């Protein structure tokens, strides 16, 4: 087994150390939106989430995907939409613009969100909600 000194000299370790010194390491999005204290950073993270949502919506449009993959993508999209809402609330708290949707239809304490392809493809609605007619 290699010693720590030998491990530190590998090409990958030296490359990673050089990146850290130059500051090129990507900053990770905070787990909680409330941890962010700067408005430009909060807007950056919101834009990043919107990009992830658009990629997943493009993937879910693929008719060749199986039912389980579509459901997984739908769950991931709903999670990202919920996270985007948290960032929008935080942006408003920091004095930024209000990105809220006027007239969003809510049922009880949760908003009805789903991707349009899930209903015709699978013949049901996600996670046992009530069918809207």
N, C-alpha and C. Protein backbone atom coordinates (compact mmCIF):
# COMPACT_ATOMS: atom_id res chain seq x y z
N UNK A 1 0.84 -1.17 0.00
CA UNK A 1 0.00 0.00 0.00
C UNK A 1 0.89 1.24 0.00
N UNK A 2 0.48 2.26 -0.73
CA UNK A 2 1.29 3.46 -0.87
C UNK A 2 1.24 4.32 0.40
N UNK A 3 2.33 5.00 0.65
CA UNK A 3 2.38 5.90 1.80
C UNK A 3 1.70 7.21 1.44
N UNK A 4 1.36 7.99 2.46
CA UNK A 4 0.70 9.27 2.24
C UNK A 4 1.56 10.21 1.40
N UNK A 5 2.86 10.18 1.59
CA UNK A 5 3.75 11.04 0.81
C UNK A 5 3.70 10.67 -0.66
N UNK A 6 3.62 9.36 -0.94
CA UNK A 6 3.53 8.92 -2.34
C UNK A 6 2.18 9.28 -2.94
N UNK A 7 1.11 9.15 -2.14
CA UNK A 7 -0.21 9.51 -2.63
C UNK A 7 -0.30 11.00 -2.97
N UNK A 8 0.36 11.82 -2.18
CA UNK A 8 0.31 13.27 -2.40
C UNK A 8 1.02 13.67 -3.68
N UNK A 9 1.91 12.83 -4.18
CA UNK A 9 2.66 13.17 -5.38
C UNK A 9 2.00 12.70 -6.67
N UNK A 10 0.86 12.06 -6.60
CA UNK A 10 0.20 11.62 -7.82
C UNK A 10 -0.22 12.82 -8.65
N UNK A 11 -0.38 12.60 -9.94
CA UNK A 11 -0.73 13.70 -10.84
C UNK A 11 -2.09 14.30 -10.48
N UNK A 12 -3.04 13.46 -10.12
CA UNK A 12 -4.36 13.96 -9.76
C UNK A 12 -4.31 14.83 -8.52
N UNK A 13 -3.53 14.41 -7.52
CA UNK A 13 -3.41 15.19 -6.29
C UNK A 13 -2.76 16.53 -6.57
N UNK A 14 -1.72 16.55 -7.40
CA UNK A 14 -1.06 17.82 -7.74
C UNK A 14 -1.98 18.73 -8.54
N UNK A 15 -2.75 18.15 -9.46
CA UNK A 15 -3.70 18.94 -10.25
C UNK A 15 -4.77 19.55 -9.35
N UNK A 16 -5.31 18.76 -8.45
CA UNK A 16 -6.34 19.23 -7.52
C UNK A 16 -5.79 20.34 -6.62
N UNK A 17 -4.58 20.18 -6.14
CA UNK A 17 -3.96 21.20 -5.30
C UNK A 17 -3.76 22.49 -6.08
N UNK A 18 -3.35 22.39 -7.34
CA UNK A 18 -3.16 23.59 -8.18
C UNK A 18 -4.50 24.30 -8.39
N UNK A 19 -5.56 23.54 -8.59
CA UNK A 19 -6.88 24.15 -8.75
C UNK A 19 -7.30 24.88 -7.48
N UNK A 20 -7.07 24.28 -6.34
CA UNK A 20 -7.42 24.92 -5.07
C UNK A 20 -6.66 26.23 -4.88
N UNK A 21 -5.38 26.23 -5.26
CA UNK A 21 -4.56 27.42 -5.10
C UNK A 21 -5.00 28.54 -6.04
N UNK A 22 -5.44 28.19 -7.24
CA UNK A 22 -5.87 29.19 -8.22
C UNK A 22 -7.31 29.65 -7.96
N UNK A 23 -8.03 28.94 -7.17
CA UNK A 23 -9.41 29.32 -6.89
C UNK A 23 -10.39 28.90 -7.97
N UNK A 24 -10.05 27.90 -8.75
CA UNK A 24 -10.92 27.46 -9.83
C UNK A 24 -11.90 26.36 -9.41
N UNK A 25 -11.92 26.01 -8.15
CA UNK A 25 -12.83 24.98 -7.68
C UNK A 25 -14.23 25.58 -7.64
N UNK A 26 -15.19 24.86 -8.19
CA UNK A 26 -16.56 25.35 -8.22
C UNK A 26 -17.13 25.43 -6.81
N UNK A 27 -17.84 26.51 -6.56
CA UNK A 27 -18.51 26.68 -5.28
C UNK A 27 -19.80 25.86 -5.30
N UNK A 28 -20.07 25.17 -4.22
CA UNK A 28 -21.26 24.33 -4.15
C UNK A 28 -22.44 25.13 -3.61
N UNK A 29 -23.61 24.79 -4.11
CA UNK A 29 -24.83 25.46 -3.67
C UNK A 29 -25.11 25.08 -2.22
N UNK A 30 -25.44 26.05 -1.38
CA UNK A 30 -25.76 25.73 0.02
C UNK A 30 -26.96 24.80 0.11
N UNK A 31 -26.95 23.94 1.10
CA UNK A 31 -28.04 22.99 1.29
C UNK A 31 -29.33 23.71 1.64
N UNK A 32 -29.23 24.73 2.48
CA UNK A 32 -30.40 25.53 2.86
C UNK A 32 -30.27 26.92 2.24
N UNK A 33 -31.36 27.40 1.66
CA UNK A 33 -31.35 28.73 1.06
C UNK A 33 -31.11 29.79 2.12
N UNK A 34 -31.52 29.53 3.34
CA UNK A 34 -31.36 30.51 4.42
C UNK A 34 -29.89 30.72 4.80
N UNK A 35 -29.00 29.83 4.38
CA UNK A 35 -27.58 29.98 4.67
C UNK A 35 -26.92 31.04 3.78
N UNK A 36 -27.58 31.41 2.69
CA UNK A 36 -27.03 32.39 1.76
C UNK A 36 -27.36 33.80 2.27
N UNK A 37 -26.35 34.67 2.29
CA UNK A 37 -26.56 36.02 2.81
C UNK A 37 -26.37 37.10 1.75
N UNK A 38 -26.03 36.71 0.52
CA UNK A 38 -25.77 37.68 -0.54
C UNK A 38 -26.78 37.50 -1.66
N UNK A 39 -27.38 38.61 -2.09
CA UNK A 39 -28.40 38.57 -3.14
C UNK A 39 -27.86 38.05 -4.47
N UNK A 40 -26.70 38.51 -4.96
CA UNK A 40 -26.20 37.98 -6.25
C UNK A 40 -25.97 36.47 -6.23
N UNK A 41 -25.47 35.96 -5.10
CA UNK A 41 -25.24 34.50 -5.00
C UNK A 41 -26.57 33.76 -5.01
N UNK A 42 -27.57 34.29 -4.31
CA UNK A 42 -28.88 33.64 -4.27
C UNK A 42 -29.49 33.59 -5.67
N UNK A 43 -29.35 34.68 -6.43
CA UNK A 43 -29.87 34.68 -7.80
C UNK A 43 -29.09 33.72 -8.69
N UNK A 44 -27.79 33.59 -8.43
CA UNK A 44 -26.96 32.64 -9.18
C UNK A 44 -27.45 31.21 -8.94
N UNK A 45 -27.72 30.87 -7.67
CA UNK A 45 -28.17 29.51 -7.35
C UNK A 45 -29.56 29.26 -7.94
N UNK A 46 -30.43 30.28 -7.95
CA UNK A 46 -31.75 30.12 -8.55
C UNK A 46 -31.61 29.84 -10.05
N UNK A 47 -30.73 30.58 -10.72
CA UNK A 47 -30.51 30.34 -12.16
C UNK A 47 -29.95 28.94 -12.39
N UNK A 48 -29.07 28.47 -11.52
CA UNK A 48 -28.52 27.13 -11.66
C UNK A 48 -29.63 26.08 -11.55
N UNK A 49 -30.53 26.27 -10.61
CA UNK A 49 -31.64 25.33 -10.44
C UNK A 49 -32.54 25.35 -11.67
N UNK A 50 -32.80 26.53 -12.22
CA UNK A 50 -33.63 26.63 -13.42
C UNK A 50 -32.98 25.87 -14.57
N UNK A 51 -31.66 25.95 -14.68
CA UNK A 51 -30.94 25.19 -15.71
C UNK A 51 -31.09 23.70 -15.52
N UNK A 52 -31.00 23.24 -14.28
CA UNK A 52 -31.17 21.81 -14.00
C UNK A 52 -32.59 21.36 -14.33
N UNK A 53 -33.57 22.20 -14.00
CA UNK A 53 -34.96 21.86 -14.31
C UNK A 53 -35.15 21.74 -15.81
N UNK A 54 -34.60 22.68 -16.57
CA UNK A 54 -34.80 22.64 -18.02
C UNK A 54 -34.14 21.41 -18.64
N UNK A 55 -32.99 20.98 -18.11
CA UNK A 55 -32.35 19.77 -18.62
C UNK A 55 -33.21 18.53 -18.35
N UNK A 56 -33.78 18.46 -17.16
CA UNK A 56 -34.60 17.30 -16.81
C UNK A 56 -35.92 17.29 -17.57
N UNK A 57 -36.48 18.47 -17.82
CA UNK A 57 -37.71 18.54 -18.63
C UNK A 57 -37.41 18.08 -20.04
N UNK A 58 -36.24 18.44 -20.58
CA UNK A 58 -35.86 17.97 -21.91
C UNK A 58 -35.70 16.45 -21.92
N UNK A 59 -35.15 15.89 -20.85
CA UNK A 59 -34.98 14.44 -20.78
C UNK A 59 -36.33 13.72 -20.70
N UNK A 60 -37.26 14.29 -19.96
CA UNK A 60 -38.53 13.61 -19.74
C UNK A 60 -39.38 13.61 -21.02
N UNK A 61 -39.06 14.48 -21.95
CA UNK A 61 -39.80 14.54 -23.22
C UNK A 61 -39.47 13.35 -24.12
N UNK A 62 -38.40 12.63 -23.82
CA UNK A 62 -38.00 11.48 -24.61
C UNK A 62 -39.05 10.37 -24.48
N UNK A 63 -39.70 10.03 -25.56
CA UNK A 63 -40.77 9.03 -25.53
C UNK A 63 -40.25 7.62 -25.28
N UNK A 64 -38.96 7.40 -25.45
CA UNK A 64 -38.40 6.07 -25.28
C UNK A 64 -38.09 5.71 -23.83
N UNK A 65 -38.29 6.62 -22.91
CA UNK A 65 -38.00 6.33 -21.51
C UNK A 65 -39.06 5.41 -20.92
N UNK A 66 -38.64 4.59 -20.00
CA UNK A 66 -39.57 3.71 -19.31
C UNK A 66 -40.36 4.47 -18.26
N UNK A 67 -41.42 3.81 -17.78
CA UNK A 67 -42.31 4.45 -16.81
C UNK A 67 -41.58 4.83 -15.52
N UNK A 68 -40.71 3.95 -15.05
CA UNK A 68 -40.02 4.22 -13.78
C UNK A 68 -39.04 5.38 -13.92
N UNK A 69 -38.35 5.46 -15.06
CA UNK A 69 -37.42 6.58 -15.28
C UNK A 69 -38.19 7.89 -15.37
N UNK A 70 -39.35 7.86 -16.02
CA UNK A 70 -40.17 9.07 -16.12
C UNK A 70 -40.63 9.50 -14.74
N UNK A 71 -41.05 8.55 -13.93
CA UNK A 71 -41.48 8.89 -12.56
C UNK A 71 -40.32 9.46 -11.74
N UNK A 72 -39.13 8.87 -11.90
CA UNK A 72 -37.96 9.38 -11.19
C UNK A 72 -37.63 10.81 -11.62
N UNK A 73 -37.65 11.05 -12.94
CA UNK A 73 -37.39 12.39 -13.43
C UNK A 73 -38.44 13.37 -12.93
N UNK A 74 -39.70 12.93 -12.91
CA UNK A 74 -40.77 13.79 -12.43
C UNK A 74 -40.55 14.16 -10.96
N UNK A 75 -40.15 13.18 -10.16
CA UNK A 75 -39.86 13.46 -8.75
C UNK A 75 -38.71 14.44 -8.60
N UNK A 76 -37.67 14.26 -9.43
CA UNK A 76 -36.52 15.16 -9.37
C UNK A 76 -36.91 16.58 -9.78
N UNK A 77 -37.75 16.69 -10.81
CA UNK A 77 -38.22 18.01 -11.25
C UNK A 77 -39.03 18.67 -10.16
N UNK A 78 -39.92 17.92 -9.53
CA UNK A 78 -40.73 18.49 -8.45
C UNK A 78 -39.86 18.94 -7.29
N UNK A 79 -38.82 18.16 -6.98
CA UNK A 79 -37.89 18.54 -5.90
C UNK A 79 -37.18 19.84 -6.26
N UNK A 80 -36.72 19.95 -7.50
CA UNK A 80 -36.04 21.17 -7.93
C UNK A 80 -36.99 22.36 -7.94
N UNK A 81 -38.23 22.16 -8.33
CA UNK A 81 -39.21 23.25 -8.30
C UNK A 81 -39.44 23.73 -6.88
N UNK A 82 -39.51 22.80 -5.95
CA UNK A 82 -39.68 23.16 -4.54
C UNK A 82 -38.45 23.94 -4.04
N UNK A 83 -37.26 23.47 -4.43
CA UNK A 83 -36.03 24.15 -4.02
C UNK A 83 -35.96 25.54 -4.65
N UNK A 84 -36.39 25.66 -5.90
CA UNK A 84 -36.41 26.98 -6.55
C UNK A 84 -37.31 27.93 -5.78
N UNK A 85 -38.43 27.43 -5.28
CA UNK A 85 -39.33 28.25 -4.49
C UNK A 85 -38.66 28.74 -3.21
N UNK A 86 -37.86 27.89 -2.58
CA UNK A 86 -37.13 28.30 -1.38
C UNK A 86 -36.15 29.43 -1.69
N UNK A 87 -35.47 29.30 -2.84
CA UNK A 87 -34.52 30.35 -3.23
C UNK A 87 -35.24 31.65 -3.56
N UNK A 88 -36.42 31.55 -4.18
CA UNK A 88 -37.18 32.76 -4.51
C UNK A 88 -37.63 33.48 -3.24
N UNK A 89 -38.01 32.72 -2.23
CA UNK A 89 -38.39 33.33 -0.95
C UNK A 89 -37.17 34.01 -0.34
N UNK A 90 -36.02 33.34 -0.40
CA UNK A 90 -34.80 33.91 0.18
C UNK A 90 -34.38 35.17 -0.57
N UNK A 91 -34.51 35.17 -1.89
CA UNK A 91 -34.17 36.36 -2.68
C UNK A 91 -35.06 37.53 -2.27
N UNK A 92 -36.33 37.25 -2.07
CA UNK A 92 -37.25 38.31 -1.64
C UNK A 92 -36.86 38.83 -0.25
N UNK A 93 -36.44 37.93 0.65
CA UNK A 93 -36.01 38.33 1.99
C UNK A 93 -34.76 39.21 1.94
N UNK A 94 -33.89 38.95 0.96
CA UNK A 94 -32.66 39.72 0.83
C UNK A 94 -32.87 41.04 0.10
N UNK A 95 -34.11 41.34 -0.28
CA UNK A 95 -34.42 42.61 -0.94
C UNK A 95 -34.41 42.54 -2.45
N UNK A 96 -34.43 41.36 -3.01
CA UNK A 96 -34.43 41.21 -4.46
C UNK A 96 -35.85 41.20 -5.01
N UNK A 97 -35.98 40.94 -6.31
CA UNK A 97 -37.31 40.92 -6.93
C UNK A 97 -38.15 39.75 -6.44
N UNK A 98 -39.46 39.92 -6.55
CA UNK A 98 -40.39 38.86 -6.16
C UNK A 98 -40.68 38.02 -7.39
N UNK A 99 -40.18 36.78 -7.39
CA UNK A 99 -40.38 35.88 -8.52
C UNK A 99 -41.63 35.04 -8.37
N UNK A 100 -42.43 35.28 -7.35
CA UNK A 100 -43.61 34.47 -7.09
C UNK A 100 -44.61 34.53 -8.23
N UNK A 101 -45.39 33.48 -8.36
CA UNK A 101 -46.40 33.41 -9.40
C UNK A 101 -47.72 33.88 -8.83
N UNK A 102 -48.28 34.95 -9.34
CA UNK A 102 -49.60 35.34 -8.86
C UNK A 102 -50.64 34.36 -9.39
N UNK A 103 -51.51 33.93 -8.53
CA UNK A 103 -52.58 33.03 -8.96
C UNK A 103 -52.19 31.58 -9.06
N UNK A 104 -51.11 31.15 -8.39
CA UNK A 104 -50.77 29.74 -8.38
C UNK A 104 -51.86 29.02 -7.60
N UNK A 105 -52.38 27.98 -8.18
CA UNK A 105 -53.47 27.25 -7.55
C UNK A 105 -52.91 26.29 -6.53
N UNK A 106 -53.32 26.45 -5.30
CA UNK A 106 -52.84 25.57 -4.24
C UNK A 106 -54.00 24.82 -3.63
N UNK A 107 -53.72 23.60 -3.22
CA UNK A 107 -54.70 22.76 -2.57
C UNK A 107 -54.19 22.48 -1.16
N UNK A 108 -54.79 23.10 -0.18
CA UNK A 108 -54.31 22.92 1.18
C UNK A 108 -52.98 23.63 1.33
N UNK A 109 -51.97 22.92 1.82
CA UNK A 109 -50.68 23.55 2.05
C UNK A 109 -49.66 23.20 0.96
N UNK A 110 -50.05 22.49 -0.08
CA UNK A 110 -49.10 22.12 -1.11
C UNK A 110 -49.63 22.51 -2.48
N UNK A 111 -48.74 22.84 -3.36
CA UNK A 111 -49.11 23.20 -4.73
C UNK A 111 -49.07 21.94 -5.59
N UNK A 112 -49.97 21.85 -6.54
CA UNK A 112 -50.03 20.72 -7.46
C UNK A 112 -48.98 20.92 -8.53
N UNK A 113 -47.94 20.10 -8.53
CA UNK A 113 -46.91 20.19 -9.56
C UNK A 113 -46.72 18.83 -10.18
N UNK A 114 -46.66 18.80 -11.46
CA UNK A 114 -46.32 17.58 -12.17
C UNK A 114 -45.90 17.97 -13.57
N UNK A 115 -45.19 17.08 -14.22
CA UNK A 115 -44.78 17.31 -15.59
C UNK A 115 -45.87 16.75 -16.50
N UNK A 116 -46.27 17.49 -17.52
CA UNK A 116 -47.41 17.08 -18.34
C UNK A 116 -47.31 15.70 -18.95
N UNK A 117 -46.11 15.19 -19.24
CA UNK A 117 -45.98 13.89 -19.89
C UNK A 117 -46.31 12.74 -18.96
N UNK A 118 -46.23 12.93 -17.66
CA UNK A 118 -46.40 11.82 -16.73
C UNK A 118 -47.83 11.29 -16.74
N UNK A 119 -48.81 12.14 -16.87
CA UNK A 119 -50.19 11.70 -16.76
C UNK A 119 -50.62 10.83 -17.96
N UNK A 120 -50.41 11.28 -19.22
CA UNK A 120 -50.83 10.43 -20.32
C UNK A 120 -49.99 9.17 -20.46
N UNK A 121 -48.73 9.22 -20.07
CA UNK A 121 -47.85 8.09 -20.25
C UNK A 121 -48.17 6.96 -19.28
N UNK A 122 -48.36 7.31 -18.04
CA UNK A 122 -48.48 6.29 -17.01
C UNK A 122 -49.92 6.01 -16.63
N UNK A 123 -50.85 6.83 -17.04
CA UNK A 123 -52.25 6.58 -16.75
C UNK A 123 -52.64 6.87 -15.31
N UNK A 124 -51.77 7.50 -14.57
CA UNK A 124 -52.09 7.81 -13.18
C UNK A 124 -51.42 9.12 -12.82
N UNK A 125 -51.65 9.55 -11.63
CA UNK A 125 -51.03 10.78 -11.17
C UNK A 125 -49.97 10.42 -10.13
N UNK A 126 -48.97 11.27 -9.98
CA UNK A 126 -47.87 10.92 -9.10
C UNK A 126 -48.26 10.87 -7.64
N UNK A 127 -47.81 9.86 -6.96
CA UNK A 127 -47.87 9.72 -5.50
C UNK A 127 -49.27 9.83 -4.92
N UNK A 128 -50.25 9.29 -5.57
CA UNK A 128 -51.56 9.13 -4.97
C UNK A 128 -52.33 10.40 -4.68
N UNK A 129 -52.05 11.48 -5.38
CA UNK A 129 -52.83 12.70 -5.21
C UNK A 129 -54.23 12.50 -5.77
N UNK A 130 -55.05 13.50 -5.69
CA UNK A 130 -56.40 13.37 -6.22
C UNK A 130 -56.42 13.76 -7.69
N UNK A 131 -57.15 13.02 -8.48
CA UNK A 131 -57.23 13.27 -9.93
C UNK A 131 -58.10 14.49 -10.17
N UNK A 132 -57.60 15.39 -10.99
CA UNK A 132 -58.36 16.60 -11.30
C UNK A 132 -59.14 16.38 -12.58
N UNK A 133 -60.40 16.68 -12.56
CA UNK A 133 -61.22 16.49 -13.77
C UNK A 133 -61.81 17.79 -14.21
